[in-house]
PDB file of N, CA and C in Angstrom:
ATOM      1  N   MET A   1       0.687  -1.183  -0.106  1.00  0.00           N
ATOM      2  CA  MET A   1      -0.002   0.298  -0.096  1.00  0.00           C
ATOM      3  C   MET A   1       0.380   1.205   0.095  1.00  0.00           C
ATOM      4  N   ILE A   2       0.342   2.445  -0.966  1.00  0.00           N
ATOM      5  CA  ILE A   2       0.909   3.262  -1.008  1.00  0.00           C
ATOM      6  C   ILE A   2       0.448   4.588   0.015  1.00  0.00           C
ATOM      7  N   GLN A   3       1.280   4.937   1.007  1.00  0.00           N
ATOM      8  CA  GLN A   3       0.468   6.042   1.883  1.00  0.00           C
ATOM      9  C   GLN A   3       1.525   7.507   1.199  1.00  0.00           C
ATOM     10  N   PRO A   4       0.263   8.067   1.689  1.00  0.00           N
ATOM     11  CA  PRO A   4       1.101   9.561   1.206  1.00  0.00           C
ATOM     12  C   PRO A   4       1.786  10.331   2.668  1.00  0.00           C
ATOM     13  N   THR A   5       2.901  10.966   2.129  1.00  0.00           N
ATOM     14  CA  THR A   5       3.642  11.787   2.865  1.00  0.00           C
ATOM     15  C   THR A   5       2.807  13.052   3.717  1.00  0.00           C
ATOM     16  N   PRO A   6       3.408  13.134   4.276  1.00  0.00           N
ATOM     17  CA  PRO A   6       2.485  14.127   5.374  1.00  0.00           C
ATOM     18  C   PRO A   6       2.940  15.465   4.673  1.00  0.00           C
ATOM     19  N   HIS A   7       3.824  16.161   4.050  1.00  0.00           N
ATOM     20  CA  HIS A   7       3.763  17.198   3.247  1.00  0.00           C
ATOM     21  C   HIS A   7       2.616  16.924   1.682  1.00  0.00           C
ATOM     22  N   THR A   8       2.215  15.675   1.319  1.00  0.00           N
ATOM     23  CA  THR A   8       1.506  15.814   0.374  1.00  0.00           C
ATOM     24  C   THR A   8      -0.111  16.429   0.708  1.00  0.00           C
ATOM     25  N   VAL A   9      -0.160  14.929   2.617  1.00  0.00           N
ATOM     26  CA  VAL A   9      -1.898  15.604   2.914  1.00  0.00           C
ATOM     27  C   VAL A   9      -2.233  17.103   3.095  1.00  0.00           C
ATOM     28  N   ILE A  10      -0.780  17.773   3.179  1.00  0.00           N
ATOM     29  CA  ILE A  10      -0.849  19.140   3.830  1.00  0.00           C
ATOM     30  C   ILE A  10      -1.757  20.240   2.679  1.00  0.00           C
ATOM     31  N   SER A  11      -0.489  20.077   1.447  1.00  0.00           N
ATOM     32  CA  SER A  11      -1.405  20.742   0.861  1.00  0.00           C
ATOM     33  C   SER A  11      -2.676  19.738  -0.221  1.00  0.00           C
ATOM     34  N   HIS A  12      -3.284  19.345  -0.136  1.00  0.00           N
ATOM     35  CA  HIS A  12      -4.629  18.255  -0.486  1.00  0.00           C
ATOM     36  C   HIS A  12      -5.720  18.780   0.783  1.00  0.00           C
ATOM     37  N   LEU A  13      -5.213  19.469   1.892  1.00  0.00           N
ATOM     38  CA  LEU A  13      -5.993  19.620   3.235  1.00  0.00           C
ATOM     39  C   LEU A  13      -6.164  21.362   3.140  1.00  0.00           C
ATOM     40  N   SER A  14      -5.071  21.531   2.858  1.00  0.00           N
ATOM     41  CA  SER A  14      -4.576  23.119   3.083  1.00  0.00           C
ATOM     42  C   SER A  14      -5.785  24.133   1.541  1.00  0.00           C
ATOM     43  N   VAL A  15      -5.430  23.510   0.287  1.00  0.00           N
ATOM     44  CA  VAL A  15      -5.708  24.242  -0.883  1.00  0.00           C
ATOM     45  C   VAL A  15      -7.030  23.039  -1.722  1.00  0.00           C
ATOM     46  N   GLY A  16      -7.042  23.910  -2.288  1.00  0.00           N
ATOM     47  CA  GLY A  16      -8.331  23.465  -3.681  1.00  0.00           C
ATOM     48  C   GLY A  16      -9.519  22.109  -2.960  1.00  0.00           C
ATOM     49  N   GLU A  17     -10.316  21.600  -3.728  1.00  0.00           N
ATOM     50  CA  GLU A  17     -11.311  20.993  -3.256  1.00  0.00           C
ATOM     51  C   GLU A  17     -11.494  20.028  -2.538  1.00  0.00           C
ATOM     52  N   HIS A  18     -10.361  19.459  -1.650  1.00  0.00           N
ATOM     53  CA  HIS A  18     -10.245  19.188  -0.431  1.00  0.00           C
ATOM     54  C   HIS A  18      -9.836  20.433   0.904  1.00  0.00           C
ATOM     55  N   ALA A  19      -9.844  20.846   0.445  1.00  0.00           N
ATOM     56  CA  ALA A  19      -9.243  22.196   1.665  1.00  0.00           C
ATOM     57  C   ALA A  19      -9.906  21.806   3.259  1.00  0.00           C
ATOM     58  N   MET A  20      -9.641  22.323   3.727  1.00  0.00           N
ATOM     59  CA  MET A  20     -10.836  22.174   5.164  1.00  0.00           C
ATOM     60  C   MET A  20      -9.898  23.383   5.901  1.00  0.00           C
ATOM     61  N   ASP A  21     -11.516  23.766   6.771  1.00  0.00           N
ATOM     62  CA  ASP A  21     -11.215  25.060   6.980  1.00  0.00           C
ATOM     63  C   ASP A  21      -9.594  25.258   8.207  1.00  0.00           C
ATOM     64  N   GLU A  22      -9.257  26.230   9.397  1.00  0.00           N
ATOM     65  CA  GLU A  22      -7.795  26.067   9.310  1.00  0.00           C
ATOM     66  C   GLU A  22      -8.139  25.390  10.949  1.00  0.00           C
ATOM     67  N   ASP A  23      -9.084  25.500  11.293  1.00  0.00           N
ATOM     68  CA  ASP A  23      -8.845  24.694  12.707  1.00  0.00           C
ATOM     69  C   ASP A  23      -9.122  23.238  12.372  1.00  0.00           C
ATOM     70  N   GLY A  24      -9.917  22.840  11.548  1.00  0.00           N
ATOM     71  CA  GLY A  24      -9.946  21.474  11.029  1.00  0.00           C
ATOM     72  C   GLY A  24      -8.712  20.900  10.750  1.00  0.00           C
ATOM     73  N   PHE A  25      -8.067  21.581   9.951  1.00  0.00           N
ATOM     74  CA  PHE A  25      -6.786  21.140   9.231  1.00  0.00           C
ATOM     75  C   PHE A  25      -5.816  21.416  10.375  1.00  0.00           C
ATOM     76  N   GLN A  26      -5.857  22.089  11.796  1.00  0.00           N
ATOM     77  CA  GLN A  26      -4.274  21.907  12.587  1.00  0.00           C
ATOM     78  C   GLN A  26      -5.229  21.112  13.735  1.00  0.00           C
ATOM     79  N   ARG A  27      -6.573  21.015  13.615  1.00  0.00           N
ATOM     80  CA  ARG A  27      -6.695  18.949  14.721  1.00  0.00           C
ATOM     81  C   ARG A  27      -6.160  18.150  13.688  1.00  0.00           C
ATOM     82  N   THR A  28      -6.451  18.102  12.659  1.00  0.00           N
ATOM     83  CA  THR A  28      -5.786  16.874  12.116  1.00  0.00           C
ATOM     84  C   THR A  28      -4.733  17.066  11.585  1.00  0.00           C
ATOM     85  N   MET A  29      -3.608  17.955  11.312  1.00  0.00           N
ATOM     86  CA  MET A  29      -2.276  17.646  11.769  1.00  0.00           C
ATOM     87  C   MET A  29      -1.781  17.451  13.066  1.00  0.00           C
ATOM     88  N   ARG A  30      -2.660  17.666  13.698  1.00  0.00           N
ATOM     89  CA  ARG A  30      -2.000  17.485  15.107  1.00  0.00           C
ATOM     90  C   ARG A  30      -1.983  15.971  15.043  1.00  0.00           C
ATOM     91  N   TYR A  31      -3.480  15.691  14.840  1.00  0.00           N
ATOM     92  CA  TYR A  31      -3.167  13.842  15.024  1.00  0.00           C
ATOM     93  C   TYR A  31      -2.080  12.876  13.984  1.00  0.00           C
ATOM     94  N   ILE A  32      -2.118  13.459  12.830  1.00  0.00           N
ATOM     95  CA  ILE A  32      -1.340  13.513  11.718  1.00  0.00           C
ATOM     96  C   ILE A  32       0.667  13.295  12.362  1.00  0.00           C
ATOM     97  N   PHE A  33       0.754  14.380  12.970  1.00  0.00           N
ATOM     98  CA  PHE A  33       2.107  14.511  13.376  1.00  0.00           C
ATOM     99  C   PHE A  33       2.653  13.446  13.940  1.00  0.00           C
ATOM    100  N   THR A  34       1.105  12.988  15.231  1.00  0.00           N
ATOM    101  CA  THR A  34       2.049  12.177  16.084  1.00  0.00           C
ATOM    102  C   THR A  34       2.499  10.543  15.572  1.00  0.00           C
ATOM    103  N   PHE A  35       2.129  10.749  14.438  1.00  0.00           N
ATOM    104  CA  PHE A  35       3.162   9.659  14.221  1.00  0.00           C
ATOM    105  C   PHE A  35       3.984   9.633  13.473  1.00  0.00           C
ATOM    106  N   ILE A  36       4.989  10.699  13.681  1.00  0.00           N
ATOM    107  CA  ILE A  36       6.543  10.543  13.279  1.00  0.00           C
ATOM    108  C   ILE A  36       6.670  10.591  14.463  1.00  0.00           C
ATOM    109  N   GLU A  37       7.659   9.818  13.886  1.00  0.00           N
ATOM    110  CA  GLU A  37       8.309   9.170  15.740  1.00  0.00           C
ATOM    111  C   GLU A  37       9.591   9.586  15.445  1.00  0.00           C
ATOM    112  N   LYS A  38      10.180   9.072  13.625  1.00  0.00           N
ATOM    113  CA  LYS A  38      12.124   9.143  13.591  1.00  0.00           C
ATOM    114  C   LYS A  38      12.017  10.257  13.284  1.00  0.00           C
ATOM    115  N   GLU A  39      13.622  10.890  14.223  1.00  0.00           N
ATOM    116  CA  GLU A  39      14.195  11.943  13.460  1.00  0.00           C
ATOM    117  C   GLU A  39      14.326  12.251  11.991  1.00  0.00           C
ATOM    118  N   LYS A  40      15.062  11.400  11.149  1.00  0.00           N
ATOM    119  CA  LYS A  40      15.154  11.687  10.441  1.00  0.00           C
ATOM    120  C   LYS A  40      13.848  11.914   9.426  1.00  0.00           C
ATOM    121  N   GLN A  41      12.495  11.132   9.843  1.00  0.00           N
ATOM    122  CA  GLN A  41      11.086  12.140   9.347  1.00  0.00           C
ATOM    123  C   GLN A  41      11.288  13.254   9.247  1.00  0.00           C
ATOM    124  N   ALA A  42      11.428  13.178  10.393  1.00  0.00           N
ATOM    125  CA  ALA A  42      11.015  14.972  10.294  1.00  0.00           C
ATOM    126  C   ALA A  42      12.287  15.872   9.822  1.00  0.00           C
ATOM    127  N   GLU A  43      12.919  15.358   9.778  1.00  0.00           N
ATOM    128  CA  GLU A  43      14.541  16.257   8.885  1.00  0.00           C
ATOM    129  C   GLU A  43      14.147  16.434   7.550  1.00  0.00           C
ATOM    130  N   SER A  44      13.412  15.709   6.639  1.00  0.00           N
ATOM    131  CA  SER A  44      12.923  15.329   5.804  1.00  0.00           C
ATOM    132  C   SER A  44      11.635  16.736   5.424  1.00  0.00           C
ATOM    133  N   ILE A  45      10.792  16.201   6.433  1.00  0.00           N
ATOM    134  CA  ILE A  45       9.673  17.358   6.545  1.00  0.00           C
ATOM    135  C   ILE A  45       9.738  18.426   6.892  1.00  0.00           C
ATOM    136  N   VAL A  46      10.879  18.853   7.316  1.00  0.00           N
ATOM    137  CA  VAL A  46      11.339  20.162   7.627  1.00  0.00           C
ATOM    138  C   VAL A  46      11.370  20.835   6.186  1.00  0.00           C
ATOM    139  N   GLU A  47      12.515  19.950   5.563  1.00  0.00           N
ATOM    140  CA  GLU A  47      13.168  20.466   4.117  1.00  0.00           C
ATOM    141  C   GLU A  47      11.960  21.031   3.252  1.00  0.00           C
ATOM    142  N   LYS A  48      11.184  19.675   2.958  1.00  0.00           N
ATOM    143  CA  LYS A  48      10.210  19.628   2.197  1.00  0.00           C
ATOM    144  C   LYS A  48       9.176  21.028   2.547  1.00  0.00           C
ATOM    145  N   LEU A  49       8.651  20.974   3.637  1.00  0.00           N
ATOM    146  CA  LEU A  49       8.071  22.154   3.766  1.00  0.00           C
ATOM    147  C   LEU A  49       8.652  23.137   3.824  1.00  0.00           C
ATOM    148  N   CYS A  50       9.915  23.504   4.354  1.00  0.00           N
ATOM    149  CA  CYS A  50      10.211  24.985   3.684  1.00  0.00           C
ATOM    150  C   CYS A  50      10.350  25.405   2.121  1.00  0.00           C
ATOM    151  N   GLN A  51      10.796  24.242   1.305  1.00  0.00           N
ATOM    152  CA  GLN A  51      10.362  24.333  -0.317  1.00  0.00           C
ATOM    153  C   GLN A  51       9.272  24.878  -0.196  1.00  0.00           C
ATOM    154  N   ARG A  52       8.008  24.472   0.014  1.00  0.00           N
ATOM    155  CA  ARG A  52       6.996  24.591  -0.035  1.00  0.00           C
ATOM    156  C   ARG A  52       6.547  25.955  -0.175  1.00  0.00           C
ATOM    157  N   PHE A  53       7.089  26.438   0.496  1.00  0.00           N
ATOM    158  CA  PHE A  53       7.177  28.325   1.261  1.00  0.00           C
ATOM    159  C   PHE A  53       6.943  28.405  -0.013  1.00  0.00           C
ATOM    160  N   ARG A  54       8.033  28.180  -1.415  1.00  0.00           N
ATOM    161  CA  ARG A  54       8.613  29.336  -2.238  1.00  0.00           C
ATOM    162  C   ARG A  54       7.330  28.585  -3.351  1.00  0.00           C
ATOM    163  N   LEU A  55       6.898  27.813  -3.278  1.00  0.00           N
ATOM    164  CA  LEU A  55       5.865  27.289  -4.203  1.00  0.00           C
ATOM    165  C   LEU A  55       4.385  28.249  -4.148  1.00  0.00           C
ATOM    166  N   THR A  56       3.780  29.273  -3.284  1.00  0.00           N
ATOM    167  CA  THR A  56       3.162  29.480  -2.801  1.00  0.00           C
ATOM    168  C   THR A  56       2.926  30.969  -2.565  1.00  0.00           C
ATOM    169  N   GLU A  57       1.611  32.122  -2.724  1.00  0.00           N
ATOM    170  CA  GLU A  57       1.998  33.161  -2.575  1.00  0.00           C
ATOM    171  C   GLU A  57       0.127  33.002  -1.795  1.00  0.00           C
ATOM    172  N   ASP A  58      -0.039  31.717  -1.322  1.00  0.00           N
ATOM    173  CA  ASP A  58      -1.722  31.613  -0.672  1.00  0.00           C
ATOM    174  C   ASP A  58      -0.906  31.766   0.858  1.00  0.00           C
ATOM    175  N   GLU A  59      -1.176  33.424   1.347  1.00  0.00           N
ATOM    176  CA  GLU A  59      -1.063  33.060   2.967  1.00  0.00           C
ATOM    177  C   GLU A  59      -2.017  31.937   3.973  1.00  0.00           C
ATOM    178  N   ARG A  60      -3.032  32.075   3.630  1.00  0.00           N
ATOM    179  CA  ARG A  60      -3.746  30.569   4.029  1.00  0.00           C
ATOM    180  C   ARG A  60      -2.157  29.255   3.928  1.00  0.00           C
ATOM    181  N   GLN A  61      -1.923  29.358   2.903  1.00  0.00           N
ATOM    182  CA  GLN A  61      -0.950  27.834   3.146  1.00  0.00           C
ATOM    183  C   GLN A  61      -0.121  28.140   3.651  1.00  0.00           C
ATOM    184  N   TRP A  62       0.652  29.947   3.838  1.00  0.00           N
ATOM    185  CA  TRP A  62       1.640  29.969   4.444  1.00  0.00           C
ATOM    186  C   TRP A  62       1.898  29.501   6.163  1.00  0.00           C
ATOM    187  N   ARG A  63       0.423  30.130   6.342  1.00  0.00           N
ATOM    188  CA  ARG A  63       0.209  29.700   7.809  1.00  0.00           C
ATOM    189  C   ARG A  63       0.179  28.147   8.456  1.00  0.00           C
ATOM    190  N   ASP A  64      -0.804  27.405   7.173  1.00  0.00           N
ATOM    191  CA  ASP A  64      -0.501  25.829   7.623  1.00  0.00           C
ATOM    192  C   ASP A  64       0.678  25.583   7.373  1.00  0.00           C
ATOM    193  N   ILE A  65       1.835  25.723   6.916  1.00  0.00           N
ATOM    194  CA  ILE A  65       2.747  25.028   6.157  1.00  0.00           C
ATOM    195  C   ILE A  65       3.520  25.707   8.169  1.00  0.00           C
ATOM    196  N   ALA A  66       3.736  26.745   8.022  1.00  0.00           N
ATOM    197  CA  ALA A  66       4.343  26.683   9.628  1.00  0.00           C
ATOM    198  C   ALA A  66       3.422  26.476  10.385  1.00  0.00           C
ATOM    199  N   PHE A  67       2.418  26.111  10.798  1.00  0.00           N
ATOM    200  CA  PHE A  67       2.092  25.387  11.857  1.00  0.00           C
ATOM    201  C   PHE A  67       1.938  23.961  12.025  1.00  0.00           C
ATOM    202  N   CYS A  68       2.441  23.613  10.587  1.00  0.00           N
ATOM    203  CA  CYS A  68       2.953  22.464  10.671  1.00  0.00           C
ATOM    204  C   CYS A  68       4.529  22.279  10.948  1.00  0.00           C
ATOM    205  N   LEU A  69       4.908  23.055  10.815  1.00  0.00           N
ATOM    206  CA  LEU A  69       6.514  23.187  11.095  1.00  0.00           C
ATOM    207  C   LEU A  69       6.422  23.313  12.762  1.00  0.00           C
ATOM    208  N   SER A  70       6.058  23.867  13.365  1.00  0.00           N
ATOM    209  CA  SER A  70       5.906  24.047  14.751  1.00  0.00           C
ATOM    210  C   SER A  70       5.945  22.965  15.802  1.00  0.00           C
ATOM    211  N   LEU A  71       4.665  22.034  14.719  1.00  0.00           N
ATOM    212  CA  LEU A  71       4.487  21.072  15.698  1.00  0.00           C
ATOM    213  C   LEU A  71       5.812  19.852  15.733  1.00  0.00           C
ATOM    214  N   LEU A  72       6.798  19.945  14.339  1.00  0.00           N
ATOM    215  CA  LEU A  72       7.591  18.972  14.874  1.00  0.00           C
ATOM    216  C   LEU A  72       8.609  19.696  16.098  1.00  0.00           C
ATOM    217  N   PRO A  73       9.214  18.473  16.395  1.00  0.00           N
ATOM    218  CA  PRO A  73      10.019  18.126  17.931  1.00  0.00           C
ATOM    219  C   PRO A  73      11.612  19.120  17.493  1.00  0.00           C
ATOM    220  N   PHE A  74      11.901  19.089  16.761  1.00  0.00           N
ATOM    221  CA  PHE A  74      13.402  19.920  16.682  1.00  0.00           C
ATOM    222  C   PHE A  74      14.408  19.133  17.450  1.00  0.00           C
ATOM    223  N   LYS A  75      14.493  18.138  17.228  1.00  0.00           N
ATOM    224  CA  LYS A  75      15.468  17.362  18.576  1.00  0.00           C
ATOM    225  C   LYS A  75      16.455  16.954  18.119  1.00  0.00           C
ATOM    226  N   SER A  76      17.120  17.277  16.915  1.00  0.00           N
ATOM    227  CA  SER A  76      17.803  17.084  16.574  1.00  0.00           C
ATOM    228  C   SER A  76      18.869  18.736  15.924  1.00  0.00           C
ATOM    229  N   GLU A  77      20.442  18.197  15.965  1.00  0.00           N
ATOM    230  CA  GLU A  77      21.044  19.286  14.875  1.00  0.00           C
ATOM    231  C   GLU A  77      20.831  19.423  13.512  1.00  0.00           C
ATOM    232  N   ARG A  78      20.554  18.838  12.735  1.00  0.00           N
ATOM    233  CA  ARG A  78      20.234  18.221  11.653  1.00  0.00           C
ATOM    234  C   ARG A  78      18.512  18.937  11.257  1.00  0.00           C
ATOM    235  N   SER A  79      18.253  18.806  11.997  1.00  0.00           N
ATOM    236  CA  SER A  79      16.062  19.102  12.114  1.00  0.00           C
ATOM    237  C   SER A  79      16.297  21.277  11.621  1.00  0.00           C
ATOM    238  N   VAL A  80      16.912  21.475  12.732  1.00  0.00           N
ATOM    239  CA  VAL A  80      17.513  22.459  13.184  1.00  0.00           C
ATOM    240  C   VAL A  80      18.283  23.456  11.930  1.00  0.00           C
ATOM    241  N   LYS A  81      18.872  23.017  11.482  1.00  0.00           N
ATOM    242  CA  LYS A  81      20.184  22.726  10.075  1.00  0.00           C
ATOM    243  C   LYS A  81      19.097  23.255   9.011  1.00  0.00           C
ATOM    244  N   LYS A  82      18.302  22.351   8.974  1.00  0.00           N
ATOM    245  CA  LYS A  82      17.188  22.192   8.144  1.00  0.00           C
ATOM    246  C   LYS A  82      16.298  24.004   7.790  1.00  0.00           C
ATOM    247  N   LEU A  83      15.630  23.654   9.404  1.00  0.00           N
ATOM    248  CA  LEU A  83      15.440  24.956   8.935  1.00  0.00           C
ATOM    249  C   LEU A  83      16.058  25.913   8.742  1.00  0.00           C
ATOM    250  N   ILE A  84      17.102  26.023   9.234  1.00  0.00           N
ATOM    251  CA  ILE A  84      18.134  27.680   8.620  1.00  0.00           C
ATOM    252  C   ILE A  84      18.777  27.413   7.130  1.00  0.00           C
ATOM    253  N   GLU A  85      18.706  26.474   6.882  1.00  0.00           N
ATOM    254  CA  GLU A  85      18.730  26.773   5.035  1.00  0.00           C
ATOM    255  C   GLU A  85      17.364  26.725   4.471  1.00  0.00           C
ATOM    256  N   GLY A  86      16.290  26.293   5.178  1.00  0.00           N
ATOM    257  CA  GLY A  86      15.262  27.065   4.280  1.00  0.00           C
ATOM    258  C   GLY A  86      15.023  28.008   4.078  1.00  0.00           C
ATOM    259  N   LEU A  87      16.019  29.567   5.343  1.00  0.00           N
ATOM    260  CA  LEU A  87      14.655  30.452   5.235  1.00  0.00           C
ATOM    261  C   LEU A  87      14.839  31.809   4.091  1.00  0.00           C
ATOM    262  N   PRO A  88      16.149  30.956   3.088  1.00  0.00           N
ATOM    263  CA  PRO A  88      15.290  32.147   2.142  1.00  0.00           C
ATOM    264  C   PRO A  88      13.956  31.734   1.090  1.00  0.00           C
ATOM    265  N   PHE A  89      13.241  30.206   1.830  1.00  0.00           N
ATOM    266  CA  PHE A  89      12.091  30.244   1.417  1.00  0.00           C
ATOM    267  C   PHE A  89      11.171  30.795   2.130  1.00  0.00           C
ATOM    268  N   TYR A  90      11.147  31.206   3.150  1.00  0.00           N
ATOM    269  CA  TYR A  90      10.110  31.740   4.378  1.00  0.00           C
ATOM    270  C   TYR A  90      10.411  32.770   4.616  1.00  0.00           C
ATOM    271  N   ARG A  91      11.555  33.578   4.237  1.00  0.00           N
ATOM    272  CA  ARG A  91      12.161  34.841   4.616  1.00  0.00           C
ATOM    273  C   ARG A  91      11.070  36.495   4.696  1.00  0.00           C
ATOM    274  N   ASP A  92      10.384  35.875   3.147  1.00  0.00           N
ATOM    275  CA  ASP A  92       9.328  37.110   2.444  1.00  0.00           C
ATOM    276  C   ASP A  92       8.216  36.642   3.163  1.00  0.00           C
ATOM    277  N   LYS A  93       7.725  35.451   4.012  1.00  0.00           N
ATOM    278  CA  LYS A  93       6.405  35.242   4.830  1.00  0.00           C
ATOM    279  C   LYS A  93       6.193  35.649   6.539  1.00  0.00           C
ATOM    280  N   LEU A  94       7.338  36.353   6.304  1.00  0.00           N
ATOM    281  CA  LEU A  94       7.496  36.175   8.079  1.00  0.00           C
ATOM    282  C   LEU A  94       6.783  37.577   8.301  1.00  0.00           C
ATOM    283  N   HIS A  95       6.160  38.417   7.421  1.00  0.00           N
ATOM    284  CA  HIS A  95       5.649  39.856   8.085  1.00  0.00           C
ATOM    285  C   HIS A  95       4.206  39.161   8.111  1.00  0.00           C
ATOM    286  N   GLU A  96       3.475  37.880   7.849  1.00  0.00           N
ATOM    287  CA  GLU A  96       2.182  37.831   8.027  1.00  0.00           C
ATOM    288  C   GLU A  96       2.275  37.337   9.414  1.00  0.00           C
ATOM    289  N   GLU A  97       1.431  37.814  10.308  1.00  0.00           N
ATOM    290  CA  GLU A  97       1.742  37.546  11.907  1.00  0.00           C
ATOM    291  C   GLU A  97       1.143  36.165  12.266  1.00  0.00           C
ATOM    292  N   LYS A  98       0.686  35.488  11.785  1.00  0.00           N
ATOM    293  CA  LYS A  98       0.348  34.141  12.574  1.00  0.00           C
ATOM    294  C   LYS A  98       1.671  33.346  11.959  1.00  0.00           C
ATOM    295  N   VAL A  99       2.440  33.380  10.835  1.00  0.00           N
ATOM    296  CA  VAL A  99       3.276  32.805  10.166  1.00  0.00           C
ATOM    297  C   VAL A  99       4.445  33.013  10.863  1.00  0.00           C
ATOM    298  N   PHE A 100       4.379  34.450  11.485  1.00  0.00           N
ATOM    299  CA  PHE A 100       6.049  35.417  12.104  1.00  0.00           C
ATOM    300  C   PHE A 100       5.807  34.286  13.925  1.00  0.00           C
ATOM    301  N   ALA A 101       3.982  34.359  14.352  1.00  0.00           N
ATOM    302  CA  ALA A 101       4.021  33.637  15.653  1.00  0.00           C
ATOM    303  C   ALA A 101       4.449  31.852  16.064  1.00  0.00           C
ATOM    304  N   ARG A 102       4.542  31.358  14.984  1.00  0.00           N
ATOM    305  CA  ARG A 102       4.768  29.963  15.027  1.00  0.00           C
ATOM    306  C   ARG A 102       6.356  29.842  14.549  1.00  0.00           C
ATOM    307  N   PHE A 103       6.883  30.762  13.979  1.00  0.00           N
ATOM    308  CA  PHE A 103       8.669  30.753  14.135  1.00  0.00           C
ATOM    309  C   PHE A 103       8.923  31.061  15.154  1.00  0.00           C
ATOM    310  N   GLN A 104       8.246  31.518  16.061  1.00  0.00           N
ATOM    311  CA  GLN A 104       8.862  32.301  17.148  1.00  0.00           C
ATOM    312  C   GLN A 104       8.080  31.355  17.936  1.00  0.00           C
ATOM    313  N   ASP A 105       6.932  30.722  18.089  1.00  0.00           N
ATOM    314  CA  ASP A 105       7.169  29.280  18.607  1.00  0.00           C
ATOM    315  C   ASP A 105       8.023  28.175  18.668  1.00  0.00           C
ATOM    316  N   ILE A 106       8.526  28.138  17.815  1.00  0.00           N
ATOM    317  CA  ILE A 106       9.594  27.259  16.963  1.00  0.00           C
ATOM    318  C   ILE A 106      11.201  27.570  17.375  1.00  0.00           C
ATOM    319  N   LEU A 107      11.715  28.591  17.159  1.00  0.00           N
ATOM    320  CA  LEU A 107      13.008  29.201  17.923  1.00  0.00           C
ATOM    321  C   LEU A 107      12.856  29.146  19.487  1.00  0.00           C
ATOM    322  N   ALA A 108      11.420  29.559  20.018  1.00  0.00           N
ATOM    323  CA  ALA A 108      11.559  29.073  20.968  1.00  0.00           C
ATOM    324  C   ALA A 108      11.912  27.798  22.039  1.00  0.00           C
ATOM    325  N   LYS A 109      10.906  26.764  20.997  1.00  0.00           N
ATOM    326  CA  LYS A 109      11.279  25.188  21.491  1.00  0.00           C
ATOM    327  C   LYS A 109      12.681  24.868  21.434  1.00  0.00           C
ATOM    328  N   VAL A 110      13.510  25.083  20.142  1.00  0.00           N
ATOM    329  CA  VAL A 110      14.953  25.123  20.011  1.00  0.00           C
ATOM    330  C   VAL A 110      15.179  25.561  21.019  1.00  0.00           C
ATOM    331  N   GLU A 111      15.405  26.253  21.681  1.00  0.00           N
ATOM    332  CA  GLU A 111      16.096  27.204  22.436  1.00  0.00           C
ATOM    333  C   GLU A 111      16.053  26.889  23.769  1.00  0.00           C
ATOM    334  N   SER A 112      14.839  26.166  24.087  1.00  0.00           N
ATOM    335  CA  SER A 112      14.653  25.299  25.482  1.00  0.00           C
ATOM    336  C   SER A 112      14.861  24.201  25.036  1.00  0.00           C
ATOM    337  N   ILE A 113      15.213  23.540  24.189  1.00  0.00           N
ATOM    338  CA  ILE A 113      15.844  22.146  23.952  1.00  0.00           C
ATOM    339  C   ILE A 113      17.725  21.715  24.026  1.00  0.00           C
ATOM    340  N   HIS A 114      17.860  22.800  22.984  1.00  0.00           N
ATOM    341  CA  HIS A 114      18.868  22.613  22.286  1.00  0.00           C
ATOM    342  C   HIS A 114      20.060  23.673  22.279  1.00  0.00           C
ATOM    343  N   LEU A 115      19.650  24.646  22.445  1.00  0.00           N
ATOM    344  CA  LEU A 115      20.512  26.048  22.321  1.00  0.00           C
ATOM    345  C   LEU A 115      21.947  25.712  23.283  1.00  0.00           C
ATOM    346  N   ALA A 116      22.047  25.338  24.540  1.00  0.00           N
ATOM    347  CA  ALA A 116      23.066  24.845  24.985  1.00  0.00           C
ATOM    348  C   ALA A 116      24.303  23.838  24.420  1.00  0.00           C
ATOM    349  N   HIS A 117      23.296  22.520  23.377  1.00  0.00           N
ATOM    350  CA  HIS A 117      23.858  21.754  23.115  1.00  0.00           C
ATOM    351  C   HIS A 117      24.116  21.604  21.734  1.00  0.00           C
ATOM    352  N   ILE A 118      23.797  22.962  21.135  1.00  0.00           N
ATOM    353  CA  ILE A 118      23.912  23.133  19.910  1.00  0.00           C
ATOM    354  C   ILE A 118      25.675  23.966  19.152  1.00  0.00           C
ATOM    355  N   PRO A 119      26.352  23.486  19.805  1.00  0.00           N
ATOM    356  CA  PRO A 119      27.613  25.097  19.078  1.00  0.00           C
ATOM    357  C   PRO A 119      27.755  25.295  18.361  1.00  0.00           C
ATOM    358  N   SER A 120      27.175  24.553  17.359  1.00  0.00           N
ATOM    359  CA  SER A 120      27.517  24.963  15.796  1.00  0.00           C
ATOM    360  C   SER A 120      26.961  26.132  15.455  1.00  0.00           C
ATOM    361  N   LEU A 121      25.548  26.162  15.914  1.00  0.00           N
ATOM    362  CA  LEU A 121      24.792  27.274  15.842  1.00  0.00           C
ATOM    363  C   LEU A 121      24.770  28.466  16.628  1.00  0.00           C
ATOM    364  N   CYS A 122      25.502  28.141  17.750  1.00  0.00           N
ATOM    365  CA  CYS A 122      25.508  29.305  18.614  1.00  0.00           C
ATOM    366  C   CYS A 122      26.788  30.122  18.085  1.00  0.00           C
ATOM    367  N   PRO A 123      27.042  31.488  18.303  1.00  0.00           N
ATOM    368  CA  PRO A 123      28.096  32.492  17.490  1.00  0.00           C
ATOM    369  C   PRO A 123      29.011  32.222  18.724  1.00  0.00           C
ATOM    370  N   SER A 124      30.620  32.176  18.340  1.00  0.00           N
ATOM    371  CA  SER A 124      31.463  32.063  19.727  1.00  0.00           C
ATOM    372  C   SER A 124      31.599  33.516  19.662  1.00  0.00           C
ATOM    373  N   GLN A 125      31.682  33.995  20.839  1.00  0.00           N
ATOM    374  CA  GLN A 125      32.334  34.685  21.468  1.00  0.00           C
ATOM    375  C   GLN A 125      33.718  35.242  22.330  1.00  0.00           C
TER     376      GLN A 125
END
């Protein structure tokens, strides 16, 4: 059986004929993301979601993508690095209030979990 990947599901439920309202979308994504257990999966999803920002000009999709990114645990340095590497794809979307708030949530999560443990991301002083 072929199973759709989370980033594919996000696209189908965010826009188009199968689009859900934002609250329903968020409830569904919270459930789906509980099945993402392996850090490799999370890293791949971070990379693909960041790239998806460049493919859309729809603010609703920006909010949905940022919401999904905020659900990820960012347990490894590689996940955080993928998020940083994706900055060119979402930098111009941060003016949208909810997108910006989701990225603040992500940064707070990363900072509380890893900042002391990820020296390569911390500037030398």
